[in-house]
Protein backbone atom coordinates (compact mmCIF):
# COMPACT_ATOMS: atom_id res chain seq x y z
CA UNK A 1 -17.77 11.14 -14.06
CA UNK A 2 -17.59 11.29 -10.36
CA UNK A 3 -14.92 8.15 -9.57
CA UNK A 4 -12.96 10.81 -12.02
CA UNK A 5 -13.10 13.97 -9.42
CA UNK A 6 -12.70 11.44 -6.56
CA UNK A 7 -9.40 10.26 -8.25
CA UNK A 8 -8.48 14.09 -8.57
CA UNK A 9 -9.46 15.32 -5.69
CA UNK A 10 -7.02 12.26 -4.22
CA UNK A 11 -3.98 13.42 -6.28
CA UNK A 12 -4.53 17.08 -5.63
CA UNK A 13 -4.09 16.64 -1.56
CA UNK A 14 -1.19 14.43 -2.57
CA UNK A 15 0.15 17.16 -3.96
CA UNK A 16 -0.42 19.36 -1.05
CA UNK A 17 0.93 16.68 1.54
CA UNK A 18 4.53 17.33 -0.07
CA UNK A 19 4.56 20.54 -0.19
CA UNK A 20 3.05 21.22 3.21
CA UNK A 21 4.99 21.60 6.24
CA UNK A 22 2.25 21.82 9.05
CA UNK A 23 1.13 18.78 10.80
CA UNK A 24 -2.37 19.11 10.65
CA UNK A 25 -2.75 20.13 6.65
CA UNK A 26 -0.26 17.30 6.13
CA UNK A 27 -2.64 14.82 8.12
CA UNK A 28 -5.56 16.50 6.47
CA UNK A 29 -4.71 15.64 2.83
CA UNK A 30 -3.74 12.60 3.57
CA UNK A 31 -7.11 11.44 5.37
CA UNK A 32 -8.94 13.12 2.43
CA UNK A 33 -6.90 11.73 -0.49
CA UNK A 34 -7.37 7.94 1.36
CA UNK A 35 -11.09 8.67 1.84
CA UNK A 36 -11.75 9.92 -1.74
CA UNK A 37 -9.47 7.04 -3.12
CA UNK A 38 -11.76 4.44 -1.02
CA UNK A 39 -14.92 6.19 -3.06
CA UNK A 40 -13.76 6.37 -6.09
CA UNK A 41 -13.00 2.99 -6.07
CA UNK A 42 -16.18 1.66 -4.73
CA UNK A 43 -18.27 3.76 -7.04
CA UNK A 44 -16.14 2.79 -10.31
CA UNK A 45 -17.44 0.45 -13.03
CA UNK A 46 -15.61 -3.03 -12.80
CA UNK A 47 -14.08 -2.08 -15.96
CA UNK A 48 -12.03 0.54 -14.05
CA UNK A 49 -10.80 -2.53 -11.83
CA UNK A 50 -9.41 -4.10 -14.40
CA UNK A 51 -8.06 -1.99 -16.13
CA UNK A 52 -6.08 -1.17 -12.32
CA UNK A 53 -5.41 -4.26 -12.31
CA UNK A 54 -3.59 -4.61 -15.51
CA UNK A 55 -1.95 -1.46 -14.80
CA UNK A 56 -0.67 -2.92 -11.73
CA UNK A 57 0.78 -6.12 -13.45
CA UNK A 58 2.49 -4.33 -15.97
CA UNK A 59 4.19 -1.75 -14.40
CA UNK A 60 5.47 -3.53 -10.96
CA UNK A 61 8.52 -5.34 -11.40
CA UNK A 62 8.53 -9.21 -10.49
CA UNK A 63 10.44 -10.03 -7.41
CA UNK A 64 12.66 -13.00 -7.17
CA UNK A 65 12.10 -15.15 -4.03
CA UNK A 66 15.06 -16.94 -3.84
CA UNK A 67 18.26 -16.11 -6.08
CA UNK A 68 20.90 -19.64 -7.03
CA UNK A 69 24.19 -18.73 -5.82
CA UNK A 70 27.53 -19.99 -7.71
CA UNK A 71 28.14 -22.22 -4.80
CA UNK A 72 25.76 -24.69 -5.58
CA UNK A 73 26.18 -25.11 -9.06
């Protein structure tokens, strides 16, 4: 339950960061979200890490390193 609470706190801090125009609150929001995400990942169960890795591979589009030009065919 505690990792979920840290994740929700990190998301709330990101929302606060996006809505504020004051520099200090933006800096505090970013710092707190980074701390909460790191601590959430540190104390999370290994299955959460596996699910996050699968989600990362599922949602990220592959980037082609090189493309073959029609001039070289």
